[in-house]
Amino acid sequence: MRKKANQVDFIEFPAKSVAGVAKAKAFYAETFGWSFQDWGDDYADTSSSGVGSGFNADPEHRPAKPLVAIYTPDLDEARAKVVSAGGKITKDIFSFPGGKRFHFSDPCGNELSVWSDR
């Protein structure tokens, strides 16, 4: 599926532990029939939830609350626009399996991320 620039395409949920990721996968598989792709023990995602979503137990990268991810083909440009418009970078650009992303807070204090597969 081709990604659309500047649209929400993923939501990441925190998990407190690797066991939490396993429990979340079992719960959503049983309850809603979702299937998952594992990316190590501490991360799994699904595209069968309507919008891509995942569970993250990596203490270095897991969000404190559910994290909306916006796709962009140009991460540096998106970062510059976030800063120019008054957003605050909360986690600068870093790599993860599948691409790179950064986190920011909007003027209301909501934390979101922007990611790119390039």
PDB file of N, CA and C in Angstrom:
ATOM      1  N   MET A   1       0.842  -1.177   0.000  1.00  0.00           N
ATOM      2  CA  MET A   1       0.000   0.000   0.000  1.00  0.00           C
ATOM      3  C   MET A   1       0.887   1.240   0.000  1.00  0.00           C
ATOM      4  N   ARG A   2       0.578   2.175  -0.847  1.00  0.00           N
ATOM      5  CA  ARG A   2       1.348   3.405  -0.942  1.00  0.00           C
ATOM      6  C   ARG A   2       0.950   4.362   0.181  1.00  0.00           C
ATOM      7  N   LYS A   3       1.943   4.917   0.841  1.00  0.00           N
ATOM      8  CA  LYS A   3       1.715   5.867   1.930  1.00  0.00           C
ATOM      9  C   LYS A   3       1.306   7.218   1.364  1.00  0.00           C
ATOM     10  N   LYS A   4       0.444   7.933   2.071  1.00  0.00           N
ATOM     11  CA  LYS A   4       0.030   9.266   1.662  1.00  0.00           C
ATOM     12  C   LYS A   4       0.690  10.282   2.575  1.00  0.00           C
ATOM     13  N   ALA A   5       1.352  11.247   1.972  1.00  0.00           N
ATOM     14  CA  ALA A   5       2.069  12.269   2.734  1.00  0.00           C
ATOM     15  C   ALA A   5       1.124  13.065   3.622  1.00  0.00           C
ATOM     16  N   ASN A   6       1.592  13.357   4.812  1.00  0.00           N
ATOM     17  CA  ASN A   6       0.919  14.248   5.762  1.00  0.00           C
ATOM     18  C   ASN A   6      -0.414  13.722   6.278  1.00  0.00           C
ATOM     19  N   GLN A   7      -0.557  12.400   6.310  1.00  0.00           N
ATOM     20  CA  GLN A   7      -1.757  11.786   6.863  1.00  0.00           C
ATOM     21  C   GLN A   7      -1.399  10.852   8.008  1.00  0.00           C
ATOM     22  N   VAL A   8      -2.297  10.777   8.983  1.00  0.00           N
ATOM     23  CA  VAL A   8      -2.126   9.823  10.075  1.00  0.00           C
ATOM     24  C   VAL A   8      -2.206   8.434   9.469  1.00  0.00           C
ATOM     25  N   ASP A   9      -1.201   7.609   9.743  1.00  0.00           N
ATOM     26  CA  ASP A   9      -1.259   6.252   9.217  1.00  0.00           C
ATOM     27  C   ASP A   9      -0.861   5.202  10.246  1.00  0.00           C
ATOM     28  N   PHE A  10      -0.621   5.634  11.497  1.00  0.00           N
ATOM     29  CA  PHE A  10      -0.187   4.674  12.509  1.00  0.00           C
ATOM     30  C   PHE A  10      -0.451   5.224  13.899  1.00  0.00           C
ATOM     31  N   ILE A  11      -0.806   4.349  14.822  1.00  0.00           N
ATOM     32  CA  ILE A  11      -0.942   4.708  16.231  1.00  0.00           C
ATOM     33  C   ILE A  11      -0.147   3.689  17.036  1.00  0.00           C
ATOM     34  N   GLU A  12       0.747   4.181  17.886  1.00  0.00           N
ATOM     35  CA  GLU A  12       1.580   3.301  18.700  1.00  0.00           C
ATOM     36  C   GLU A  12       1.116   3.355  20.155  1.00  0.00           C
ATOM     37  N   PHE A  13       0.924   2.187  20.744  1.00  0.00           N
ATOM     38  CA  PHE A  13       0.482   2.081  22.126  1.00  0.00           C
ATOM     39  C   PHE A  13       1.642   1.615  23.000  1.00  0.00           C
ATOM     40  N   PRO A  14       1.783   2.183  24.192  1.00  0.00           N
ATOM     41  CA  PRO A  14       2.841   1.712  25.079  1.00  0.00           C
ATOM     42  C   PRO A  14       2.456   0.379  25.713  1.00  0.00           C
ATOM     43  N   ALA A  15       3.465  -0.419  25.992  1.00  0.00           N
ATOM     44  CA  ALA A  15       3.311  -1.649  26.778  1.00  0.00           C
ATOM     45  C   ALA A  15       4.403  -1.601  27.838  1.00  0.00           C
ATOM     46  N   LYS A  16       4.087  -1.962  29.069  1.00  0.00           N
ATOM     47  CA  LYS A  16       5.062  -1.833  30.155  1.00  0.00           C
ATOM     48  C   LYS A  16       6.162  -2.881  30.113  1.00  0.00           C
ATOM     49  N   SER A  17       5.936  -3.960  29.349  1.00  0.00           N
ATOM     50  CA  SER A  17       6.908  -5.047  29.332  1.00  0.00           C
ATOM     51  C   SER A  17       6.702  -5.903  28.085  1.00  0.00           C
ATOM     52  N   VAL A  18       7.656  -6.796  27.843  1.00  0.00           N
ATOM     53  CA  VAL A  18       7.528  -7.763  26.756  1.00  0.00           C
ATOM     54  C   VAL A  18       6.287  -8.625  26.979  1.00  0.00           C
ATOM     55  N   ALA A  19       6.044  -9.007  28.239  1.00  0.00           N
ATOM     56  CA  ALA A  19       4.838  -9.788  28.559  1.00  0.00           C
ATOM     57  C   ALA A  19       3.574  -8.993  28.224  1.00  0.00           C
ATOM     58  N   GLY A  20       3.631  -7.674  28.409  1.00  0.00           N
ATOM     59  CA  GLY A  20       2.491  -6.823  28.071  1.00  0.00           C
ATOM     60  C   GLY A  20       2.191  -6.831  26.583  1.00  0.00           C
ATOM     61  N   VAL A  21       3.229  -6.833  25.755  1.00  0.00           N
ATOM     62  CA  VAL A  21       3.029  -6.917  24.306  1.00  0.00           C
ATOM     63  C   VAL A  21       2.336  -8.234  23.972  1.00  0.00           C
ATOM     64  N   ALA A  22       2.788  -9.316  24.555  1.00  0.00           N
ATOM     65  CA  ALA A  22       2.186 -10.633  24.301  1.00  0.00           C
ATOM     66  C   ALA A  22       0.717 -10.652  24.731  1.00  0.00           C
ATOM     67  N   LYS A  23       0.423 -10.064  25.893  1.00  0.00           N
ATOM     68  CA  LYS A  23      -0.968 -10.025  26.375  1.00  0.00           C
ATOM     69  C   LYS A  23      -1.846  -9.169  25.465  1.00  0.00           C
ATOM     70  N   ALA A  24      -1.314  -8.017  25.012  1.00  0.00           N
ATOM     71  CA  ALA A  24      -2.086  -7.156  24.114  1.00  0.00           C
ATOM     72  C   ALA A  24      -2.378  -7.877  22.805  1.00  0.00           C
ATOM     73  N   LYS A  25      -1.371  -8.555  22.250  1.00  0.00           N
ATOM     74  CA  LYS A  25      -1.580  -9.298  21.015  1.00  0.00           C
ATOM     75  C   LYS A  25      -2.661 -10.357  21.196  1.00  0.00           C
ATOM     76  N   ALA A  26      -2.590 -11.106  22.273  1.00  0.00           N
ATOM     77  CA  ALA A  26      -3.587 -12.153  22.529  1.00  0.00           C
ATOM     78  C   ALA A  26      -4.982 -11.556  22.691  1.00  0.00           C
ATOM     79  N   PHE A  27      -5.078 -10.455  23.419  1.00  0.00           N
ATOM     80  CA  PHE A  27      -6.365  -9.799  23.647  1.00  0.00           C
ATOM     81  C   PHE A  27      -6.994  -9.344  22.326  1.00  0.00           C
ATOM     82  N   TYR A  28      -6.236  -8.593  21.512  1.00  0.00           N
ATOM     83  CA  TYR A  28      -6.806  -8.044  20.281  1.00  0.00           C
ATOM     84  C   TYR A  28      -7.034  -9.120  19.224  1.00  0.00           C
ATOM     85  N   ALA A  29      -6.214 -10.161  19.234  1.00  0.00           N
ATOM     86  CA  ALA A  29      -6.447 -11.275  18.310  1.00  0.00           C
ATOM     87  C   ALA A  29      -7.751 -11.985  18.667  1.00  0.00           C
ATOM     88  N   GLU A  30      -7.942 -12.246  19.956  1.00  0.00           N
ATOM     89  CA  GLU A  30      -9.146 -12.950  20.390  1.00  0.00           C
ATOM     90  C   GLU A  30     -10.393 -12.077  20.250  1.00  0.00           C
ATOM     91  N   THR A  31     -10.271 -10.808  20.629  1.00  0.00           N
ATOM     92  CA  THR A  31     -11.430  -9.921  20.653  1.00  0.00           C
ATOM     93  C   THR A  31     -11.849  -9.453  19.264  1.00  0.00           C
ATOM     94  N   PHE A  32     -10.864  -9.047  18.431  1.00  0.00           N
ATOM     95  CA  PHE A  32     -11.183  -8.435  17.143  1.00  0.00           C
ATOM     96  C   PHE A  32     -10.621  -9.183  15.940  1.00  0.00           C
ATOM     97  N   GLY A  33      -9.898 -10.271  16.178  1.00  0.00           N
ATOM     98  CA  GLY A  33      -9.356 -11.049  15.076  1.00  0.00           C
ATOM     99  C   GLY A  33      -8.127 -10.447  14.404  1.00  0.00           C
ATOM    100  N   TRP A  34      -7.452  -9.516  15.077  1.00  0.00           N
ATOM    101  CA  TRP A  34      -6.269  -8.886  14.494  1.00  0.00           C
ATOM    102  C   TRP A  34      -5.109  -9.871  14.438  1.00  0.00           C
ATOM    103  N   SER A  35      -4.273  -9.756  13.419  1.00  0.00           N
ATOM    104  CA  SER A  35      -3.043 -10.531  13.322  1.00  0.00           C
ATOM    105  C   SER A  35      -1.859  -9.562  13.421  1.00  0.00           C
ATOM    106  N   PHE A  36      -0.708 -10.062  13.854  1.00  0.00           N
ATOM    107  CA  PHE A  36       0.426  -9.195  14.159  1.00  0.00           C
ATOM    108  C   PHE A  36       1.693  -9.631  13.460  1.00  0.00           C
ATOM    109  N   GLN A  37       2.570  -8.667  13.232  1.00  0.00           N
ATOM    110  CA  GLN A  37       3.936  -8.876  12.758  1.00  0.00           C
ATOM    111  C   GLN A  37       4.854  -8.524  13.930  1.00  0.00           C
ATOM    112  N   ASP A  38       5.679  -9.459  14.362  1.00  0.00           N
ATOM    113  CA  ASP A  38       6.618  -9.191  15.456  1.00  0.00           C
ATOM    114  C   ASP A  38       7.892  -8.569  14.910  1.00  0.00           C
ATOM    115  N   TRP A  39       8.411  -7.597  15.646  1.00  0.00           N
ATOM    116  CA  TRP A  39       9.683  -6.943  15.341  1.00  0.00           C
ATOM    117  C   TRP A  39      10.551  -7.066  16.582  1.00  0.00           C
ATOM    118  N   GLY A  40      10.908  -8.278  16.927  1.00  0.00           N
ATOM    119  CA  GLY A  40      11.603  -8.560  18.172  1.00  0.00           C
ATOM    120  C   GLY A  40      10.579  -8.885  19.245  1.00  0.00           C
ATOM    121  N   ASP A  41      11.054  -9.057  20.468  1.00  0.00           N
ATOM    122  CA  ASP A  41      10.154  -9.398  21.576  1.00  0.00           C
ATOM    123  C   ASP A  41       9.340  -8.219  22.074  1.00  0.00           C
ATOM    124  N   ASP A  42       9.875  -7.003  21.888  1.00  0.00           N
ATOM    125  CA  ASP A  42       9.264  -5.842  22.528  1.00  0.00           C
ATOM    126  C   ASP A  42       8.416  -4.979  21.604  1.00  0.00           C
ATOM    127  N   TYR A  43       8.167  -5.436  20.365  1.00  0.00           N
ATOM    128  CA  TYR A  43       7.360  -4.638  19.444  1.00  0.00           C
ATOM    129  C   TYR A  43       6.603  -5.539  18.483  1.00  0.00           C
ATOM    130  N   ALA A  44       5.339  -5.228  18.287  1.00  0.00           N
ATOM    131  CA  ALA A  44       4.517  -5.921  17.299  1.00  0.00           C
ATOM    132  C   ALA A  44       3.558  -4.905  16.699  1.00  0.00           C
ATOM    133  N   ASP A  45       3.311  -5.043  15.403  1.00  0.00           N
ATOM    134  CA  ASP A  45       2.334  -4.149  14.790  1.00  0.00           C
ATOM    135  C   ASP A  45       1.328  -4.937  13.973  1.00  0.00           C
ATOM    136  N   THR A  46       0.270  -4.245  13.584  1.00  0.00           N
ATOM    137  CA  THR A  46      -0.791  -4.864  12.807  1.00  0.00           C
ATOM    138  C   THR A  46      -1.323  -3.873  11.784  1.00  0.00           C
ATOM    139  N   SER A  47      -1.733  -4.379  10.659  1.00  0.00           N
ATOM    140  CA  SER A  47      -2.433  -3.543   9.688  1.00  0.00           C
ATOM    141  C   SER A  47      -3.895  -3.953   9.619  1.00  0.00           C
ATOM    142  N   SER A  48      -4.270  -4.931  10.432  1.00  0.00           N
ATOM    143  CA  SER A  48      -5.652  -5.422  10.393  1.00  0.00           C
ATOM    144  C   SER A  48      -6.559  -4.666  11.362  1.00  0.00           C
ATOM    145  N   SER A  49      -6.082  -3.539  11.919  1.00  0.00           N
ATOM    146  CA  SER A  49      -6.882  -2.770  12.874  1.00  0.00           C
ATOM    147  C   SER A  49      -7.598  -1.593  12.225  1.00  0.00           C
ATOM    148  N   GLY A  50      -7.478  -1.428  10.922  1.00  0.00           N
ATOM    149  CA  GLY A  50      -8.105  -0.304  10.236  1.00  0.00           C
ATOM    150  C   GLY A  50      -7.076   0.746   9.881  1.00  0.00           C
ATOM    151  N   VAL A  51      -6.383   1.242  10.861  1.00  0.00           N
ATOM    152  CA  VAL A  51      -5.211   2.097  10.668  1.00  0.00           C
ATOM    153  C   VAL A  51      -4.060   1.317  11.291  1.00  0.00           C
ATOM    154  N   GLY A  52      -2.877   1.386  10.709  1.00  0.00           N
ATOM    155  CA  GLY A  52      -1.765   0.641  11.272  1.00  0.00           C
ATOM    156  C   GLY A  52      -1.581   0.979  12.740  1.00  0.00           C
ATOM    157  N   SER A  53      -1.264  -0.020  13.542  1.00  0.00           N
ATOM    158  CA  SER A  53      -1.048   0.225  14.965  1.00  0.00           C
ATOM    159  C   SER A  53      -0.049  -0.789  15.505  1.00  0.00           C
ATOM    160  N   GLY A  54       0.564  -0.437  16.631  1.00  0.00           N
ATOM    161  CA  GLY A  54       1.540  -1.325  17.217  1.00  0.00           C
ATOM    162  C   GLY A  54       1.627  -1.165  18.718  1.00  0.00           C
ATOM    163  N   PHE A  55       2.291  -2.120  19.352  1.00  0.00           N
ATOM    164  CA  PHE A  55       2.521  -2.112  20.796  1.00  0.00           C
ATOM    165  C   PHE A  55       4.012  -2.107  21.034  1.00  0.00           C
ATOM    166  N   ASN A  56       4.491  -1.152  21.850  1.00  0.00           N
ATOM    167  CA  ASN A  56       5.917  -0.937  22.049  1.00  0.00           C
ATOM    168  C   ASN A  56       6.280  -1.065  23.520  1.00  0.00           C
ATOM    169  N   ALA A  57       7.168  -2.005  23.847  1.00  0.00           N
ATOM    170  CA  ALA A  57       7.644  -2.180  25.221  1.00  0.00           C
ATOM    171  C   ALA A  57       9.111  -1.789  25.371  1.00  0.00           C
ATOM    172  N   ASP A  58       9.722  -1.239  24.321  1.00  0.00           N
ATOM    173  CA  ASP A  58      11.124  -0.832  24.392  1.00  0.00           C
ATOM    174  C   ASP A  58      11.257   0.383  25.306  1.00  0.00           C
ATOM    175  N   PRO A  59      11.909   0.249  26.455  1.00  0.00           N
ATOM    176  CA  PRO A  59      11.972   1.366  27.401  1.00  0.00           C
ATOM    177  C   PRO A  59      12.627   2.618  26.818  1.00  0.00           C
ATOM    178  N   GLU A  60      13.458   2.470  25.800  1.00  0.00           N
ATOM    179  CA  GLU A  60      14.117   3.618  25.188  1.00  0.00           C
ATOM    180  C   GLU A  60      13.203   4.393  24.245  1.00  0.00           C
ATOM    181  N   HIS A  61      12.230   3.719  23.638  1.00  0.00           N
ATOM    182  CA  HIS A  61      11.417   4.356  22.600  1.00  0.00           C
ATOM    183  C   HIS A  61       9.912   4.326  22.828  1.00  0.00           C
ATOM    184  N   ARG A  62       9.421   3.570  23.805  1.00  0.00           N
ATOM    185  CA  ARG A  62       7.966   3.482  23.954  1.00  0.00           C
ATOM    186  C   ARG A  62       7.400   4.830  24.395  1.00  0.00           C
ATOM    187  N   PRO A  63       6.240   5.172  23.869  1.00  0.00           N
ATOM    188  CA  PRO A  63       5.616   6.436  24.268  1.00  0.00           C
ATOM    189  C   PRO A  63       4.962   6.307  25.641  1.00  0.00           C
ATOM    190  N   ALA A  64       4.757   7.433  26.311  1.00  0.00           N
ATOM    191  CA  ALA A  64       4.091   7.426  27.610  1.00  0.00           C
ATOM    192  C   ALA A  64       2.585   7.186  27.450  1.00  0.00           C
ATOM    193  N   LYS A  65       2.045   7.649  26.331  1.00  0.00           N
ATOM    194  CA  LYS A  65       0.616   7.518  26.026  1.00  0.00           C
ATOM    195  C   LYS A  65       0.509   7.065  24.574  1.00  0.00           C
ATOM    196  N   PRO A  66      -0.687   6.713  24.109  1.00  0.00           N
ATOM    197  CA  PRO A  66      -0.814   6.387  22.687  1.00  0.00           C
ATOM    198  C   PRO A  66      -0.243   7.513  21.829  1.00  0.00           C
ATOM    199  N   LEU A  67       0.483   7.140  20.785  1.00  0.00           N
ATOM    200  CA  LEU A  67       1.215   8.087  19.955  1.00  0.00           C
ATOM    201  C   LEU A  67       0.741   7.992  18.513  1.00  0.00           C
ATOM    202  N   VAL A  68       0.192   9.082  18.005  1.00  0.00           N
ATOM    203  CA  VAL A  68      -0.231   9.155  16.612  1.00  0.00           C
ATOM    204  C   VAL A  68       0.997   9.424  15.749  1.00  0.00           C
ATOM    205  N   ALA A  69       1.127   8.697  14.654  1.00  0.00           N
ATOM    206  CA  ALA A  69       2.254   8.879  13.735  1.00  0.00           C
ATOM    207  C   ALA A  69       1.741   9.369  12.383  1.00  0.00           C
ATOM    208  N   ILE A  70       2.360  10.430  11.884  1.00  0.00           N
ATOM    209  CA  ILE A  70       2.021  11.022  10.599  1.00  0.00           C
ATOM    210  C   ILE A  70       3.143  10.670   9.625  1.00  0.00           C
ATOM    211  N   TYR A  71       2.791  10.197   8.454  1.00  0.00           N
ATOM    212  CA  TYR A  71       3.795   9.830   7.458  1.00  0.00           C
ATOM    213  C   TYR A  71       4.209  11.040   6.631  1.00  0.00           C
ATOM    214  N   THR A  72       5.497  11.110   6.288  1.00  0.00           N
ATOM    215  CA  THR A  72       6.008  12.115   5.349  1.00  0.00           C
ATOM    216  C   THR A  72       7.120  11.503   4.518  1.00  0.00           C
ATOM    217  N   PRO A  73       7.230  11.897   3.252  1.00  0.00           N
ATOM    218  CA  PRO A  73       8.360  11.426   2.466  1.00  0.00           C
ATOM    219  C   PRO A  73       9.642  12.202   2.780  1.00  0.00           C
ATOM    220  N   ASP A  74       9.530  13.386   3.429  1.00  0.00           N
ATOM    221  CA  ASP A  74      10.697  14.220   3.720  1.00  0.00           C
ATOM    222  C   ASP A  74      10.718  14.600   5.200  1.00  0.00           C
ATOM    223  N   LEU A  75      11.426  13.815   5.986  1.00  0.00           N
ATOM    224  CA  LEU A  75      11.451  13.992   7.439  1.00  0.00           C
ATOM    225  C   LEU A  75      12.080  15.322   7.856  1.00  0.00           C
ATOM    226  N   ASP A  76      13.161  15.705   7.224  1.00  0.00           N
ATOM    227  CA  ASP A  76      13.822  16.963   7.591  1.00  0.00           C
ATOM    228  C   ASP A  76      12.918  18.166   7.325  1.00  0.00           C
ATOM    229  N   GLU A  77      12.228  18.151   6.198  1.00  0.00           N
ATOM    230  CA  GLU A  77      11.309  19.247   5.876  1.00  0.00           C
ATOM    231  C   GLU A  77      10.160  19.301   6.890  1.00  0.00           C
ATOM    232  N   ALA A  78       9.602  18.143   7.231  1.00  0.00           N
ATOM    233  CA  ALA A  78       8.502  18.109   8.200  1.00  0.00           C
ATOM    234  C   ALA A  78       8.959  18.621   9.560  1.00  0.00           C
ATOM    235  N   ARG A  79      10.172  18.242   9.980  1.00  0.00           N
ATOM    236  CA  ARG A  79      10.715  18.708  11.258  1.00  0.00           C
ATOM    237  C   ARG A  79      10.838  20.225  11.246  1.00  0.00           C
ATOM    238  N   ALA A  80      11.373  20.785  10.166  1.00  0.00           N
ATOM    239  CA  ALA A  80      11.524  22.235  10.054  1.00  0.00           C
ATOM    240  C   ALA A  80      10.165  22.941  10.123  1.00  0.00           C
ATOM    241  N   LYS A  81       9.160  22.374   9.479  1.00  0.00           N
ATOM    242  CA  LYS A  81       7.820  22.975   9.492  1.00  0.00           C
ATOM    243  C   LYS A  81       7.196  22.914  10.887  1.00  0.00           C
ATOM    244  N   VAL A  82       7.398  21.791  11.595  1.00  0.00           N
ATOM    245  CA  VAL A  82       6.876  21.668  12.965  1.00  0.00           C
ATOM    246  C   VAL A  82       7.465  22.771  13.838  1.00  0.00           C
ATOM    247  N   VAL A  83       8.771  22.950  13.761  1.00  0.00           N
ATOM    248  CA  VAL A  83       9.451  23.962  14.582  1.00  0.00           C
ATOM    249  C   VAL A  83       8.998  25.366  14.174  1.00  0.00           C
ATOM    250  N   SER A  84       8.927  25.626  12.875  1.00  0.00           N
ATOM    251  CA  SER A  84       8.527  26.938  12.366  1.00  0.00           C
ATOM    252  C   SER A  84       7.107  27.316  12.803  1.00  0.00           C
ATOM    253  N   ALA A  85       6.235  26.313  12.888  1.00  0.00           N
ATOM    254  CA  ALA A  85       4.840  26.573  13.263  1.00  0.00           C
ATOM    255  C   ALA A  85       4.623  26.628  14.776  1.00  0.00           C
ATOM    256  N   GLY A  86       5.699  26.453  15.562  1.00  0.00           N
ATOM    257  CA  GLY A  86       5.572  26.564  17.013  1.00  0.00           C
ATOM    258  C   GLY A  86       5.533  25.260  17.769  1.00  0.00           C
ATOM    259  N   GLY A  87       5.726  24.132  17.074  1.00  0.00           N
ATOM    260  CA  GLY A  87       5.799  22.852  17.764  1.00  0.00           C
ATOM    261  C   GLY A  87       7.136  22.712  18.468  1.00  0.00           C
ATOM    262  N   LYS A  88       7.186  21.839  19.457  1.00  0.00           N
ATOM    263  CA  LYS A  88       8.423  21.597  20.205  1.00  0.00           C
ATOM    264  C   LYS A  88       8.869  20.155  19.973  1.00  0.00           C
ATOM    265  N   ILE A  89      10.114  19.978  19.572  1.00  0.00           N
ATOM    266  CA  ILE A  89      10.657  18.639  19.357  1.00  0.00           C
ATOM    267  C   ILE A  89      10.874  17.999  20.731  1.00  0.00           C
ATOM    268  N   THR A  90      10.261  16.842  20.961  1.00  0.00           N
ATOM    269  CA  THR A  90      10.416  16.143  22.239  1.00  0.00           C
ATOM    270  C   THR A  90      11.386  14.965  22.136  1.00  0.00           C
ATOM    271  N   LYS A  91      11.583  14.449  20.930  1.00  0.00           N
ATOM    272  CA  LYS A  91      12.565  13.387  20.674  1.00  0.00           C
ATOM    273  C   LYS A  91      13.033  13.587  19.237  1.00  0.00           C
ATOM    274  N   ASP A  92      14.313  13.924  19.081  1.00  0.00           N
ATOM    275  CA  ASP A  92      14.819  14.239  17.750  1.00  0.00           C
ATOM    276  C   ASP A  92      14.876  12.991  16.868  1.00  0.00           C
ATOM    277  N   ILE A  93      15.152  13.179  15.605  1.00  0.00           N
ATOM    278  CA  ILE A  93      15.137  12.105  14.605  1.00  0.00           C
ATOM    279  C   ILE A  93      15.986  10.917  15.059  1.00  0.00           C
ATOM    280  N   PHE A  94      15.392   9.740  14.992  1.00  0.00           N
ATOM    281  CA  PHE A  94      16.093   8.501  15.311  1.00  0.00           C
ATOM    282  C   PHE A  94      15.614   7.398  14.374  1.00  0.00           C
ATOM    283  N   SER A  95      16.421   6.378  14.223  1.00  0.00           N
ATOM    284  CA  SER A  95      16.095   5.240  13.354  1.00  0.00           C
ATOM    285  C   SER A  95      15.346   4.173  14.132  1.00  0.00           C
ATOM    286  N   PHE A  96      14.519   3.436  13.418  1.00  0.00           N
ATOM    287  CA  PHE A  96      13.830   2.258  13.954  1.00  0.00           C
ATOM    288  C   PHE A  96      13.626   1.307  12.786  1.00  0.00           C
ATOM    289  N   PRO A  97      13.310   0.030  13.040  1.00  0.00           N
ATOM    290  CA  PRO A  97      13.083  -0.873  11.912  1.00  0.00           C
ATOM    291  C   PRO A  97      11.952  -0.330  11.030  1.00  0.00           C
ATOM    292  N   GLY A  98      12.253  -0.033   9.812  1.00  0.00           N
ATOM    293  CA  GLY A  98      11.241   0.501   8.900  1.00  0.00           C
ATOM    294  C   GLY A  98      11.458   1.950   8.520  1.00  0.00           C
ATOM    295  N   GLY A  99      12.350   2.663   9.208  1.00  0.00           N
ATOM    296  CA  GLY A  99      12.577   4.058   8.840  1.00  0.00           C
ATOM    297  C   GLY A  99      13.168   4.905   9.942  1.00  0.00           C
ATOM    298  N   LYS A 100      12.767   6.172   9.943  1.00  0.00           N
ATOM    299  CA  LYS A 100      13.205   7.141  10.949  1.00  0.00           C
ATOM    300  C   LYS A 100      11.994   7.957  11.379  1.00  0.00           C
ATOM    301  N   ARG A 101      12.076   8.541  12.581  1.00  0.00           N
ATOM    302  CA  ARG A 101      10.984   9.395  13.041  1.00  0.00           C
ATOM    303  C   ARG A 101      11.497  10.383  14.072  1.00  0.00           C
ATOM    304  N   PHE A 102      10.641  11.368  14.371  1.00  0.00           N
ATOM    305  CA  PHE A 102      10.872  12.265  15.493  1.00  0.00           C
ATOM    306  C   PHE A 102       9.535  12.484  16.188  1.00  0.00           C
ATOM    307  N   HIS A 103       9.584  12.925  17.439  1.00  0.00           N
ATOM    308  CA  HIS A 103       8.371  13.222  18.204  1.00  0.00           C
ATOM    309  C   HIS A 103       8.320  14.718  18.455  1.00  0.00           C
ATOM    310  N   PHE A 104       7.112  15.243  18.559  1.00  0.00           N
ATOM    311  CA  PHE A 104       6.942  16.662  18.858  1.00  0.00           C
ATOM    312  C   PHE A 104       5.681  16.869  19.679  1.00  0.00           C
ATOM    313  N   SER A 105       5.604  18.022  20.336  1.00  0.00           N
ATOM    314  CA  SER A 105       4.357  18.386  21.004  1.00  0.00           C
ATOM    315  C   SER A 105       3.762  19.572  20.261  1.00  0.00           C
ATOM    316  N   ASP A 106       2.443  19.535  20.124  1.00  0.00           N
ATOM    317  CA  ASP A 106       1.734  20.624  19.451  1.00  0.00           C
ATOM    318  C   ASP A 106       1.428  21.727  20.467  1.00  0.00           C
ATOM    319  N   PRO A 107       0.831  22.849  20.045  1.00  0.00           N
ATOM    320  CA  PRO A 107       0.551  23.937  20.987  1.00  0.00           C
ATOM    321  C   PRO A 107      -0.377  23.568  22.142  1.00  0.00           C
ATOM    322  N   CYS A 108      -1.122  22.475  22.014  1.00  0.00           N
ATOM    323  CA  CYS A 108      -2.011  22.026  23.098  1.00  0.00           C
ATOM    324  C   CYS A 108      -1.312  21.051  24.039  1.00  0.00           C
ATOM    325  N   GLY A 109      -0.067  20.683  23.733  1.00  0.00           N
ATOM    326  CA  GLY A 109       0.674  19.751  24.575  1.00  0.00           C
ATOM    327  C   GLY A 109       0.530  18.300  24.177  1.00  0.00           C
ATOM    328  N   ASN A 110      -0.149  18.012  23.074  1.00  0.00           N
ATOM    329  CA  ASN A 110      -0.277  16.633  22.603  1.00  0.00           C
ATOM    330  C   ASN A 110       1.024  16.198  21.943  1.00  0.00           C
ATOM    331  N   GLU A 111       1.486  14.973  22.264  1.00  0.00           N
ATOM    332  CA  GLU A 111       2.677  14.457  21.614  1.00  0.00           C
ATOM    333  C   GLU A 111       2.276  13.592  20.421  1.00  0.00           C
ATOM    334  N   LEU A 112       2.901  13.858  19.285  1.00  0.00           N
ATOM    335  CA  LEU A 112       2.712  13.094  18.058  1.00  0.00           C
ATOM    336  C   LEU A 112       4.079  12.766  17.506  1.00  0.00           C
ATOM    337  N   SER A 113       4.119  11.973  16.441  1.00  0.00           N
ATOM    338  CA  SER A 113       5.374  11.699  15.771  1.00  0.00           C
ATOM    339  C   SER A 113       5.189  11.861  14.275  1.00  0.00           C
ATOM    340  N   VAL A 114       6.304  12.072  13.596  1.00  0.00           N
ATOM    341  CA  VAL A 114       6.328  12.095  12.139  1.00  0.00           C
ATOM    342  C   VAL A 114       7.375  11.080  11.731  1.00  0.00           C
ATOM    343  N   TRP A 115       7.046  10.248  10.757  1.00  0.00           N
ATOM    344  CA  TRP A 115       7.973   9.199  10.355  1.00  0.00           C
ATOM    345  C   TRP A 115       8.110   9.153   8.841  1.00  0.00           C
ATOM    346  N   SER A 116       9.206   8.557   8.396  1.00  0.00           N
ATOM    347  CA  SER A 116       9.438   8.346   6.982  1.00  0.00           C
ATOM    348  C   SER A 116      10.154   7.021   6.773  1.00  0.00           C
ATOM    349  N   ASP A 117       9.852   6.382   5.664  1.00  0.00           N
ATOM    350  CA  ASP A 117      10.539   5.143   5.324  1.00  0.00           C
ATOM    351  C   ASP A 117      11.733   5.421   4.405  1.00  0.00           C
ATOM    352  N   ARG A 118      12.061   6.685   4.222  1.00  0.00           N
ATOM    353  CA  ARG A 118      13.184   7.089   3.355  1.00  0.00           C
ATOM    354  C   ARG A 118      14.344   7.593   4.157  1.00  0.00           C
TER     355      ARG A 118
END
